[in-house]
Protein backbone atom coordinates (compact mmCIF):
# COMPACT_ATOMS: atom_id res chain seq x y z
CA UNK A 1 34.21 0.49 -18.39
CA UNK A 2 33.43 -3.10 -19.29
CA UNK A 3 33.22 -2.20 -22.95
CA UNK A 4 36.67 -0.57 -22.84
CA UNK A 5 38.18 -3.68 -21.26
CA UNK A 6 36.56 -5.89 -23.87
CA UNK A 7 37.97 -3.72 -26.67
CA UNK A 8 41.51 -3.88 -25.26
CA UNK A 9 41.42 -7.62 -24.72
CA UNK A 10 40.10 -8.12 -28.24
CA UNK A 11 42.88 -5.95 -29.70
CA UNK A 12 45.50 -7.91 -27.76
CA UNK A 13 44.07 -11.20 -29.00
CA UNK A 14 44.12 -10.01 -32.59
CA UNK A 15 47.75 -8.90 -32.21
CA UNK A 16 48.65 -12.32 -30.82
CA UNK A 17 46.91 -14.09 -33.68
CA UNK A 18 48.75 -11.93 -36.17
CA UNK A 19 52.10 -12.58 -34.49
CA UNK A 20 51.47 -16.32 -34.39
CA UNK A 21 50.47 -16.30 -38.04
CA UNK A 22 53.63 -14.43 -39.08
CA UNK A 23 55.76 -16.69 -36.93
CA UNK A 24 54.19 -19.80 -38.39
CA UNK A 25 54.81 -18.57 -41.96
CA UNK A 26 58.40 -17.73 -41.23
CA UNK A 27 58.94 -21.04 -39.48
CA UNK A 28 57.48 -23.08 -42.28
CA UNK A 29 59.41 -21.12 -44.95
CA UNK A 30 62.81 -21.28 -43.30
CA UNK A 31 62.47 -24.21 -40.97
CA UNK A 32 65.95 -25.39 -41.79
CA UNK A 33 67.92 -22.18 -42.15
CA UNK A 34 66.30 -19.81 -39.67
CA UNK A 35 65.10 -21.97 -36.78
CA UNK A 36 66.47 -19.66 -34.09
CA UNK A 37 64.88 -16.53 -35.61
CA UNK A 38 61.43 -18.27 -35.78
CA UNK A 39 61.56 -19.35 -32.17
CA UNK A 40 62.52 -15.85 -31.10
CA UNK A 41 59.58 -14.37 -33.06
CA UNK A 42 57.06 -16.70 -31.38
CA UNK A 43 58.42 -15.94 -27.88
CA UNK A 44 58.32 -12.20 -28.50
CA UNK A 45 54.71 -12.47 -29.74
CA UNK A 46 53.66 -14.35 -26.59
CA UNK A 47 55.27 -11.74 -24.38
CA UNK A 48 53.52 -8.97 -26.34
CA UNK A 49 50.16 -10.68 -25.76
CA UNK A 50 50.79 -11.08 -22.03
CA UNK A 51 51.81 -7.42 -21.58
CA UNK A 52 48.79 -6.15 -23.53
CA UNK A 53 46.37 -8.28 -21.50
CA UNK A 54 47.90 -7.06 -18.22
CA UNK A 55 47.64 -3.42 -19.24
CA UNK A 56 43.97 -3.90 -20.20
CA UNK A 57 43.05 -4.96 -16.66
CA UNK A 58 45.50 -2.88 -14.60
CA UNK A 59 45.39 0.58 -16.18
CA UNK A 60 42.37 2.60 -14.83
CA UNK A 61 39.97 3.89 -17.46
CA UNK A 62 37.98 7.12 -16.90
CA UNK A 63 34.25 6.42 -17.12
CA UNK A 64 30.90 8.02 -16.32
CA UNK A 65 28.99 7.08 -13.19
CA UNK A 66 25.38 7.80 -12.22
CA UNK A 67 24.58 7.90 -8.50
CA UNK A 68 21.22 6.84 -7.04
CA UNK A 69 20.59 8.99 -3.97
CA UNK A 70 18.45 8.08 -1.01
CA UNK A 71 14.80 9.04 -0.69
CA UNK A 72 15.62 12.13 1.34
CA UNK A 73 18.10 13.53 -1.22
CA UNK A 74 16.64 15.79 -3.87
CA UNK A 75 19.72 17.48 -5.39
CA UNK A 76 22.41 15.94 -7.54
CA UNK A 77 25.61 17.74 -8.64
CA UNK A 78 28.48 17.02 -10.96
CA UNK A 79 32.07 16.75 -9.78
CA UNK A 80 35.31 15.00 -10.57
CA UNK A 81 36.51 12.22 -8.29
CA UNK A 82 40.12 11.59 -7.29
CA UNK A 83 40.59 8.86 -9.84
CA UNK A 84 39.64 11.12 -12.71
CA UNK A 85 36.12 9.78 -13.21
CA UNK A 86 33.57 12.41 -14.10
CA UNK A 87 30.22 12.33 -12.23
CA UNK A 88 27.34 13.22 -14.53
CA UNK A 89 24.61 15.54 -13.30
CA UNK A 90 21.33 13.57 -13.43
CA UNK A 91 18.05 15.08 -12.38
CA UNK A 92 15.74 12.80 -10.30
CA UNK A 93 12.93 13.10 -12.86
CA UNK A 94 15.31 11.66 -15.49
CA UNK A 95 16.22 8.51 -13.56
CA UNK A 96 13.75 5.77 -14.50
CA UNK A 97 13.68 3.09 -11.83
CA UNK A 98 12.88 -0.56 -12.21
CA UNK A 99 11.01 -2.71 -9.73
CA UNK A 100 14.15 -3.85 -7.92
CA UNK A 101 15.48 -0.30 -7.60
CA UNK A 102 12.16 0.97 -6.23
CA UNK A 103 11.89 -1.88 -3.73
CA UNK A 104 15.47 -1.33 -2.61
CA UNK A 105 14.74 2.37 -2.13
CA UNK A 106 11.61 1.65 -0.08
CA UNK A 107 13.34 -0.94 2.07
CA UNK A 108 16.21 1.48 2.75
CA UNK A 109 13.75 4.23 3.67
CA UNK A 110 11.82 1.97 6.06
CA UNK A 111 14.44 -0.49 7.34
CA UNK A 112 12.60 -1.41 10.52
CA UNK A 113 9.50 -2.53 8.61
CA UNK A 114 11.60 -4.37 6.01
CA UNK A 115 13.68 -6.32 8.52
CA UNK A 116 10.67 -7.61 10.43
CA UNK A 117 8.84 -9.25 7.56
CA UNK A 118 9.72 -8.85 3.89
CA UNK A 119 6.57 -10.76 2.98
CA UNK A 120 4.61 -7.59 3.72
CA UNK A 121 6.06 -5.98 0.60
CA UNK A 122 4.72 -8.69 -1.76
CA UNK A 123 1.62 -6.68 -2.69
CA UNK A 124 3.77 -3.64 -3.43
CA UNK A 125 6.12 -5.64 -5.62
CA UNK A 126 3.25 -7.18 -7.60
CA UNK A 127 1.70 -3.78 -8.20
CA UNK A 128 5.02 -2.36 -9.43
CA UNK A 129 5.45 -5.20 -11.90
CA UNK A 130 1.95 -4.59 -13.25
CA UNK A 131 2.53 -0.84 -13.41
CA UNK A 132 5.83 -1.17 -15.24
CA UNK A 133 4.30 -3.64 -17.68
CA UNK A 134 1.45 -1.25 -18.50
CA UNK A 135 3.76 1.77 -18.63
CA UNK A 136 5.96 0.04 -21.21
CA UNK A 137 3.04 -0.05 -23.64
CA UNK A 138 2.58 3.00 -25.81
CA UNK A 139 -0.77 4.26 -27.02
CA UNK A 140 -0.04 2.74 -30.41
CA UNK A 141 0.21 -0.69 -28.79
CA UNK A 142 -3.29 -0.42 -27.26
CA UNK A 143 -5.98 -1.90 -29.52
CA UNK A 144 -8.43 0.52 -31.06
CA UNK A 145 -11.33 -1.37 -29.46
CA UNK A 146 -10.31 -0.36 -25.96
CA UNK A 147 -11.91 2.64 -24.34
CA UNK A 148 -10.38 6.09 -24.15
CA UNK A 149 -10.16 5.68 -20.40
CA UNK A 150 -7.72 2.79 -20.75
CA UNK A 151 -5.64 4.88 -23.13
CA UNK A 152 -5.71 7.81 -20.71
CA UNK A 153 -4.61 5.57 -17.83
CA UNK A 154 -1.55 4.48 -19.78
CA UNK A 155 0.89 6.35 -17.55
CA UNK A 156 4.58 6.88 -18.00
CA UNK A 157 7.35 5.09 -16.10
CA UNK A 158 8.14 5.77 -12.46
CA UNK A 159 11.18 7.92 -11.92
CA UNK A 160 13.26 8.66 -8.87
CA UNK A 161 11.52 12.01 -8.50
CA UNK A 162 8.08 10.34 -8.45
CA UNK A 163 9.00 7.96 -5.66
CA UNK A 164 10.66 10.74 -3.69
CA UNK A 165 7.54 12.91 -3.95
CA UNK A 166 5.26 10.15 -2.66
CA UNK A 167 7.58 9.36 0.25
CA UNK A 168 7.90 13.06 1.05
CA UNK A 169 4.09 13.38 1.02
CA UNK A 170 3.71 10.48 3.45
CA UNK A 171 6.44 11.81 5.72
CA UNK A 172 4.88 15.26 5.88
CA UNK A 173 1.35 13.89 6.39
CA UNK A 174 2.25 11.29 9.01
CA UNK A 175 5.37 12.62 10.76
CA UNK A 176 6.88 10.42 13.45
CA UNK A 177 4.82 7.47 12.15
CA UNK A 178 7.15 5.54 9.82
CA UNK A 179 5.29 2.31 10.53
CA UNK A 180 2.05 3.87 9.22
CA UNK A 181 3.87 5.19 6.14
CA UNK A 182 5.20 1.71 5.40
CA UNK A 183 1.76 0.20 6.03
CA UNK A 184 0.21 2.53 3.45
CA UNK A 185 2.82 1.56 0.85
CA UNK A 186 2.36 -2.14 1.65
CA UNK A 187 -1.43 -2.30 1.78
CA UNK A 188 -2.25 0.44 -0.77
CA UNK A 189 0.64 0.40 -3.26
CA UNK A 190 -1.57 2.16 -5.81
CA UNK A 191 -0.56 5.39 -4.09
CA UNK A 192 2.79 5.11 -5.89
CA UNK A 193 0.91 5.64 -9.15
CA UNK A 194 -0.61 8.89 -7.84
CA UNK A 195 2.70 10.76 -8.04
CA UNK A 196 1.22 13.12 -10.64
CA UNK A 197 -1.92 13.77 -8.57
CA UNK A 198 -0.48 14.79 -5.22
CA UNK A 199 -1.65 18.39 -5.42
CA UNK A 200 -4.98 17.67 -7.11
CA UNK A 201 -6.05 14.55 -5.24
CA UNK A 202 -3.95 13.35 -2.30
CA UNK A 203 -3.51 16.64 -0.46
CA UNK A 204 -7.21 17.67 -0.79
CA UNK A 205 -8.24 14.20 0.40
CA UNK A 206 -6.03 14.48 3.47
CA UNK A 207 -7.41 17.96 4.19
CA UNK A 208 -10.95 16.61 3.94
CA UNK A 209 -10.28 13.66 6.23
CA UNK A 210 -8.44 15.80 8.77
CA UNK A 211 -11.36 18.22 8.83
CA UNK A 212 -13.78 15.33 9.18
CA UNK A 213 -11.95 13.80 12.14
CA UNK A 214 -10.98 17.15 13.66
CA UNK A 215 -11.07 16.99 17.46
CA UNK A 216 -11.99 13.29 17.57
CA UNK A 217 -9.76 11.37 19.95
CA UNK A 218 -8.41 7.97 19.03
CA UNK A 219 -8.04 4.87 21.14
CA UNK A 220 -4.83 6.35 22.61
CA UNK A 221 -6.78 9.30 24.02
CA UNK A 222 -4.91 11.90 21.95
CA UNK A 223 -6.91 14.63 20.25
CA UNK A 224 -6.90 14.18 16.49
CA UNK A 225 -5.75 10.59 16.83
CA UNK A 226 -8.86 9.35 15.05
CA UNK A 227 -7.39 10.45 11.70
CA UNK A 228 -4.31 8.23 12.08
CA UNK A 229 -6.44 5.42 13.48
CA UNK A 230 -8.88 5.58 10.56
CA UNK A 231 -6.06 5.50 8.00
CA UNK A 232 -4.41 2.62 9.85
CA UNK A 233 -7.67 0.70 9.79
CA UNK A 234 -8.34 1.42 6.12
CA UNK A 235 -5.39 2.77 4.13
CA UNK A 236 -7.52 2.93 0.98
CA UNK A 237 -9.21 6.04 2.39
CA UNK A 238 -6.39 8.09 0.91
CA UNK A 239 -7.45 6.99 -2.57
CA UNK A 240 -11.22 7.16 -2.23
CA UNK A 241 -12.51 8.33 -5.59
CA UNK A 242 -13.95 11.82 -5.62
CA UNK A 243 -12.99 12.82 -2.08
CA UNK A 244 -11.46 16.27 -2.04
CA UNK A 245 -10.60 16.21 -5.74
CA UNK A 246 -9.46 19.58 -7.04
CA UNK A 247 -9.21 19.21 -10.78
CA UNK A 248 -8.76 21.81 -13.46
CA UNK A 249 -11.35 24.51 -13.48
CA UNK A 250 -12.80 23.46 -10.14
CA UNK A 251 -13.97 25.99 -7.66
CA UNK A 252 -12.47 25.81 -4.21
CA UNK A 253 -15.91 26.37 -2.71
CA UNK A 254 -17.32 23.37 -4.51
CA UNK A 255 -16.83 19.88 -3.18
CA UNK A 256 -15.71 16.92 -5.23
CA UNK A 257 -19.09 15.50 -6.18
CA UNK A 258 -20.81 18.68 -7.11
CA UNK A 259 -22.16 20.25 -3.95
CA UNK A 260 -22.19 24.02 -3.61
CA UNK A 261 -22.10 24.41 0.17
CA UNK A 262 -19.20 26.39 1.57
CA UNK A 263 -18.70 23.84 4.32
CA UNK A 264 -20.26 20.64 3.10
CA UNK A 265 -19.01 18.54 6.01
CA UNK A 266 -20.80 20.66 8.57
CA UNK A 267 -23.87 20.96 6.33
CA UNK A 268 -24.38 17.20 6.06
CA UNK A 269 -23.54 16.65 9.72
CA UNK A 270 -25.96 19.39 10.81
CA UNK A 271 -28.74 17.94 8.61
CA UNK A 272 -28.31 14.42 9.95
CA UNK A 273 -28.08 15.53 13.56
CA UNK A 274 -30.88 18.09 13.65
CA UNK A 275 -33.28 17.18 10.86
CA UNK A 276 -33.07 13.39 11.18
CA UNK A 277 -32.16 13.40 14.90
CA UNK A 278 -29.17 11.10 14.41
CA UNK A 279 -27.31 10.82 17.72
CA UNK A 280 -23.75 12.02 18.24
CA UNK A 281 -22.57 8.42 18.53
CA UNK A 282 -24.27 7.68 15.22
CA UNK A 283 -22.50 10.63 13.57
CA UNK A 284 -19.16 9.43 14.97
CA UNK A 285 -19.85 5.92 13.65
CA UNK A 286 -20.60 7.27 10.18
CA UNK A 287 -17.40 9.32 10.21
CA UNK A 288 -15.32 6.28 11.14
CA UNK A 289 -16.83 3.81 8.71
CA UNK A 290 -18.21 5.97 5.88
CA UNK A 291 -16.30 9.27 5.70
CA UNK A 292 -17.20 9.83 2.04
CA UNK A 293 -20.82 10.31 3.10
CA UNK A 294 -19.98 13.80 4.36
CA UNK A 295 -18.55 14.78 0.98
CA UNK A 296 -21.90 14.26 -0.76
CA UNK A 297 -23.93 17.22 -1.91
CA UNK A 298 -26.63 17.96 0.64
CA UNK A 299 -29.18 19.47 -1.76
CA UNK A 300 -28.67 17.26 -4.81
CA UNK A 301 -27.80 13.93 -3.17
CA UNK A 302 -28.63 13.50 0.53
CA UNK A 303 -31.97 15.28 0.75
CA UNK A 304 -33.51 13.65 -2.39
CA UNK A 305 -32.64 10.17 -1.08
CA UNK A 306 -34.11 10.95 2.35
CA UNK A 307 -37.29 12.29 0.77
CA UNK A 308 -37.52 9.15 -1.38
CA UNK A 309 -37.24 6.97 1.73
CA UNK A 310 -40.04 8.94 3.39
CA UNK A 311 -42.19 8.43 0.30
CA UNK A 312 -41.51 4.68 0.00
CA UNK A 313 -42.29 4.19 3.68
CA UNK A 314 -45.56 6.06 3.27
CA UNK A 315 -44.50 8.95 5.50
CA UNK A 316 -44.59 12.69 5.16
CA UNK A 317 -41.25 14.29 4.35
CA UNK A 318 -41.90 17.17 6.76
CA UNK A 319 -39.12 16.69 9.31
CA UNK A 320 -40.19 19.74 11.31
CA UNK A 321 -43.39 18.09 12.55
CA UNK A 322 -43.49 17.25 16.24
CA UNK A 323 -46.43 14.85 16.51
CA UNK A 324 -45.61 11.41 17.96
CA UNK A 325 -46.34 9.48 14.72
CA UNK A 326 -44.15 11.81 12.69
CA UNK A 327 -41.35 11.68 15.24
CA UNK A 328 -41.51 7.89 14.99
CA UNK A 329 -41.30 8.11 11.21
CA UNK A 330 -38.26 10.38 11.41
CA UNK A 331 -36.53 7.96 13.77
CA UNK A 332 -37.27 5.12 11.36
CA UNK A 333 -35.63 6.99 8.47
CA UNK A 334 -32.70 7.97 10.71
CA UNK A 335 -32.20 4.31 11.63
CA UNK A 336 -32.14 3.34 7.95
CA UNK A 337 -29.60 6.05 7.15
CA UNK A 338 -27.38 5.06 10.08
CA UNK A 339 -27.44 1.33 9.35
CA UNK A 340 -27.39 1.62 5.55
CA UNK A 341 -25.52 4.85 4.73
CA UNK A 342 -24.59 3.62 1.24
CA UNK A 343 -28.20 4.26 0.20
CA UNK A 344 -27.45 8.00 0.31
CA UNK A 345 -24.92 7.54 -2.49
CA UNK A 346 -27.50 6.00 -4.85
CA UNK A 347 -29.43 7.89 -7.48
CA UNK A 348 -33.16 8.20 -6.84
CA UNK A 349 -34.33 7.93 -10.46
CA UNK A 350 -31.79 5.33 -11.59
CA UNK A 351 -31.59 3.07 -8.52
CA UNK A 352 -34.10 3.50 -5.70
CA UNK A 353 -37.34 4.00 -7.62
CA UNK A 354 -36.79 1.18 -10.21
CA UNK A 355 -35.86 -1.26 -7.45
CA UNK A 356 -38.96 -0.39 -5.43
CA UNK A 357 -41.18 -0.77 -8.50
CA UNK A 358 -39.67 -4.18 -9.28
CA UNK A 359 -40.39 -5.42 -5.76
CA UNK A 360 -43.94 -4.17 -5.95
CA UNK A 361 -44.72 -5.62 -9.39
CA UNK A 362 -42.97 -8.98 -9.03
CA UNK A 363 -44.89 -9.90 -5.86
CA UNK A 364 -48.11 -7.90 -6.35
CA UNK A 365 -47.41 -5.90 -3.23
CA UNK A 366 -49.55 -2.99 -2.14
CA UNK A 367 -47.96 0.31 -1.16
CA UNK A 368 -48.35 -0.58 2.50
CA UNK A 369 -46.82 -4.03 2.01
CA UNK A 370 -43.94 -2.52 0.05
CA UNK A 371 -43.32 -0.12 2.93
CA UNK A 372 -43.23 -3.08 5.32
CA UNK A 373 -40.66 -4.89 3.16
CA UNK A 374 -38.43 -1.80 2.89
CA UNK A 375 -38.68 -1.06 6.60
CA UNK A 376 -37.66 -4.65 7.44
CA UNK A 377 -34.86 -4.84 4.86
CA UNK A 378 -33.74 -1.37 3.72
CA UNK A 379 -30.58 -2.78 2.17
CA UNK A 380 -32.67 -4.42 -0.55
CA UNK A 381 -32.96 -1.00 -2.22
CA UNK A 382 -29.22 -1.07 -2.83
CA UNK A 383 -29.27 -4.42 -4.65
CA UNK A 384 -29.07 -4.73 -8.40
CA UNK A 385 -32.33 -5.74 -10.05
CA UNK A 386 -30.69 -7.71 -12.85
CA UNK A 387 -27.77 -9.08 -10.85
CA UNK A 388 -29.44 -9.90 -7.53
CA UNK A 389 -33.21 -9.53 -7.21
CA UNK A 390 -34.36 -11.18 -10.45
CA UNK A 391 -32.24 -14.35 -9.98
CA UNK A 392 -33.34 -14.61 -6.33
CA UNK A 393 -37.02 -14.22 -7.23
CA UNK A 394 -36.73 -16.82 -9.98
CA UNK A 395 -35.02 -19.25 -7.61
CA UNK A 396 -37.77 -18.88 -5.00
CA UNK A 397 -40.44 -19.42 -7.66
CA UNK A 398 -38.69 -22.58 -8.85
CA UNK A 399 -38.54 -23.99 -5.31
CA UNK A 400 -42.26 -23.38 -4.85
CA UNK A 401 -43.12 -24.67 -8.34
CA UNK A 402 -41.09 -27.86 -8.14
CA UNK A 403 -42.19 -28.40 -4.55
CA UNK A 404 -45.82 -28.65 -5.72
CA UNK A 405 -47.17 -26.58 -2.85
CA UNK A 406 -50.97 -26.48 -3.01
CA UNK A 407 -53.05 -23.52 -1.95
CA UNK A 408 -55.44 -24.30 0.87
CA UNK A 409 -58.23 -21.91 -0.02
CA UNK A 410 -59.92 -21.94 -3.39
CA UNK A 411 -60.20 -18.17 -3.47
CA UNK A 412 -56.37 -17.92 -3.47
CA UNK A 413 -55.94 -19.96 -6.64
CA UNK A 414 -56.10 -16.90 -8.84
CA UNK A 415 -56.90 -18.00 -12.37
CA UNK A 416 -56.04 -21.61 -11.63
CA UNK A 417 -52.63 -21.31 -13.27
CA UNK A 418 -49.51 -22.66 -11.59
CA UNK A 419 -47.68 -19.40 -12.25
CA UNK A 420 -50.30 -17.43 -10.36
CA UNK A 421 -50.21 -19.90 -7.47
CA UNK A 422 -46.43 -19.66 -7.13
CA UNK A 423 -46.65 -15.86 -7.27
CA UNK A 424 -49.16 -15.81 -4.44
CA UNK A 425 -46.98 -18.12 -2.35
CA UNK A 426 -43.92 -16.00 -3.14
CA UNK A 427 -45.77 -12.94 -1.92
CA UNK A 428 -46.56 -14.69 1.37
CA UNK A 429 -42.95 -15.76 1.74
CA UNK A 430 -41.61 -12.24 1.14
CA UNK A 431 -44.07 -10.67 3.57
CA UNK A 432 -43.17 -13.18 6.28
CA UNK A 433 -39.42 -12.76 5.91
CA UNK A 434 -38.29 -9.93 3.58
CA UNK A 435 -34.66 -10.51 4.64
CA UNK A 436 -34.57 -13.55 2.36
CA UNK A 437 -34.18 -11.18 -0.60
CA UNK A 438 -30.81 -10.05 0.74
CA UNK A 439 -29.36 -13.58 0.76
CA UNK A 440 -27.04 -14.61 -2.03
CA UNK A 441 -28.15 -17.14 -4.60
CA UNK A 442 -25.42 -19.60 -3.60
CA UNK A 443 -26.53 -19.34 0.05
CA UNK A 444 -30.12 -20.22 -0.85
CA UNK A 445 -29.06 -22.98 -3.23
CA UNK A 446 -26.94 -24.91 -0.72
CA UNK A 447 -29.76 -24.88 1.84
CA UNK A 448 -32.33 -25.98 -0.72
CA UNK A 449 -30.06 -28.89 -1.68
CA UNK A 450 -29.64 -29.87 1.97
CA UNK A 451 -33.39 -29.89 2.56
CA UNK A 452 -33.89 -31.99 -0.58
CA UNK A 453 -31.17 -34.37 0.61
CA UNK A 454 -32.79 -35.12 3.97
CA UNK A 455 -36.19 -35.30 2.29
CA UNK A 456 -35.10 -38.55 0.66
CA UNK A 457 -38.50 -39.61 -0.64
CA UNK A 458 -38.86 -36.69 -3.05
CA UNK A 459 -37.72 -36.66 -6.68
CA UNK A 460 -37.57 -33.27 -8.33
CA UNK A 461 -38.45 -32.89 -12.01
CA UNK A 462 -35.54 -33.18 -14.37
CA UNK A 463 -36.68 -30.28 -16.54
CA UNK A 464 -38.96 -27.31 -16.13
CA UNK A 465 -42.41 -28.16 -17.44
CA UNK A 466 -41.71 -31.87 -17.96
CA UNK A 467 -45.07 -33.46 -17.20
CA UNK A 468 -43.73 -37.00 -17.56
CA UNK A 469 -41.77 -36.61 -14.32
CA UNK A 470 -43.94 -36.57 -11.25
CA UNK A 471 -42.37 -34.53 -8.50
CA UNK A 472 -43.34 -35.02 -4.93
CA UNK A 473 -45.86 -32.57 -3.55
CA UNK A 474 -44.96 -30.43 -0.58
CA UNK A 475 -41.21 -31.04 -0.51
CA UNK A 476 -39.40 -30.04 2.64
CA UNK A 477 -37.58 -27.14 0.96
CA UNK A 478 -40.88 -25.70 -0.32
CA UNK A 479 -42.75 -26.25 2.97
CA UNK A 480 -40.03 -24.46 4.92
CA UNK A 481 -40.01 -21.61 2.40
CA UNK A 482 -43.74 -21.06 2.84
CA UNK A 483 -44.21 -21.72 6.54
CA UNK A 484 -40.84 -20.62 7.99
CA UNK A 485 -38.80 -18.70 5.37
CA UNK A 486 -36.56 -17.25 8.10
CA UNK A 487 -34.94 -20.70 8.30
CA UNK A 488 -33.08 -19.88 5.09
CA UNK A 489 -31.35 -17.01 6.90
CA UNK A 490 -29.85 -19.35 9.52
CA UNK A 491 -26.33 -20.72 9.26
CA UNK A 492 -26.30 -24.16 7.69
CA UNK A 493 -23.24 -25.51 9.53
CA UNK A 494 -23.75 -23.80 12.86
CA UNK A 495 -27.53 -23.95 13.18
CA UNK A 496 -29.53 -26.02 10.72
CA UNK A 497 -27.40 -29.18 10.52
CA UNK A 498 -26.82 -29.51 14.32
CA UNK A 499 -30.54 -29.09 14.99
CA UNK A 500 -31.52 -31.59 12.32
CA UNK A 501 -29.05 -34.13 13.69
CA UNK A 502 -30.33 -33.62 17.23
CA UNK A 503 -33.95 -34.02 16.15
CA UNK A 504 -33.03 -37.09 14.12
CA UNK A 505 -31.34 -38.73 17.10
CA UNK A 506 -34.22 -37.72 19.34
CA UNK A 507 -36.86 -39.22 17.05
CA UNK A 508 -34.78 -42.23 16.18
CA UNK A 509 -34.21 -41.41 12.53
CA UNK A 510 -30.94 -40.78 10.67
CA UNK A 511 -30.49 -37.52 8.75
């Protein structure tokens, strides 16, 4: 319509210019003899321009219009309006929406949530901008150095049909809960990108979670309310990788991660409850906080990890034994599984065994001492050797080395080397407080610096192995690490500093 108006106005302007040009020529040629005819020509040209411009804006022009229906409308038809405009039939999958159109559609679908606080849609808007930016890139635009996975994830644009399908899925899954539907779109906007995986991923995931929370009452006392409560607490559960996935060629009797049990949820639950004697409250806690645990394969994932824990703790893996020591061992493993369920998702050969061997070799621990460390801090088996344990071990060795801690007994000096002495002291420290291995490197560093600060008489070496710099023996940080390593697990602001200030005021010294 705008283009037609522009064309008409341009034609009228050209006609005016032509008329003015002709009039000017005539006027200049016959300015003395035909003055009246020249003036009449100019006036007629001006009137012609005015009439043409008026017709361009007043006469209606038939044009094509595309309608954007609401989220609940799925059918579009063609018709002819009263003014003669023809409505074009546009299928929803053909209407590519931009970020503003999608946000307008979502805000119209959930007006109550939009009116209360539009700031809640910021995360959704940011995700849509990122999605549209990535969707605009073709595979030819992606560098050859990038992985095939990045090329495969280069999805197409979002259409009206895609958004309608996601909204319809949420409305059918959570009927009469529009606030929960809006919360999912606001907190987990990635679900908008799963429009092509509704049948293969979203629906099986919902079926799995509903079966997992079947019969569990929520805080409102309604049966089955735990499912809505769990999703409200963690909307990302709908997109947990591997849960309920039903890809091409998959067997309906096989679960997502490779198990072959007909009812894997009941199989894992029965094993935990009867073989490991996990209480009903413990099972309910695992379902609330770690629902993906019940999707693991019982024979290829859960049982091998449990058997590995029995072996590392020095126990027999026979869970059918009824002697008091073996019952105690089973309860110990059950406690580890309940408090650290993520260990069941680790691979025995690639994660658990290498981590246990590193702990044993780096501190010269015996099998019994290693079992003590694992029993005290089971979560250490889930830490990365290269990313967590090695830097922590090196930091503790440096504190002991620079602190110049001397061994009291001559028979503990090893070969007389400083490296052996620090290794022996590190072993003592780990056995006294294994939980120190689970602390982050930044947490240990800030406490070491604080202890060095209040120990004002000490000067640490500038470089490792620099014999020209004499460091103070038995620094406070090293003494605490050897005699009371659990101090490093205390809060610096809420525990260590207030106590040091109190002791300083009590003894008359300033810290």
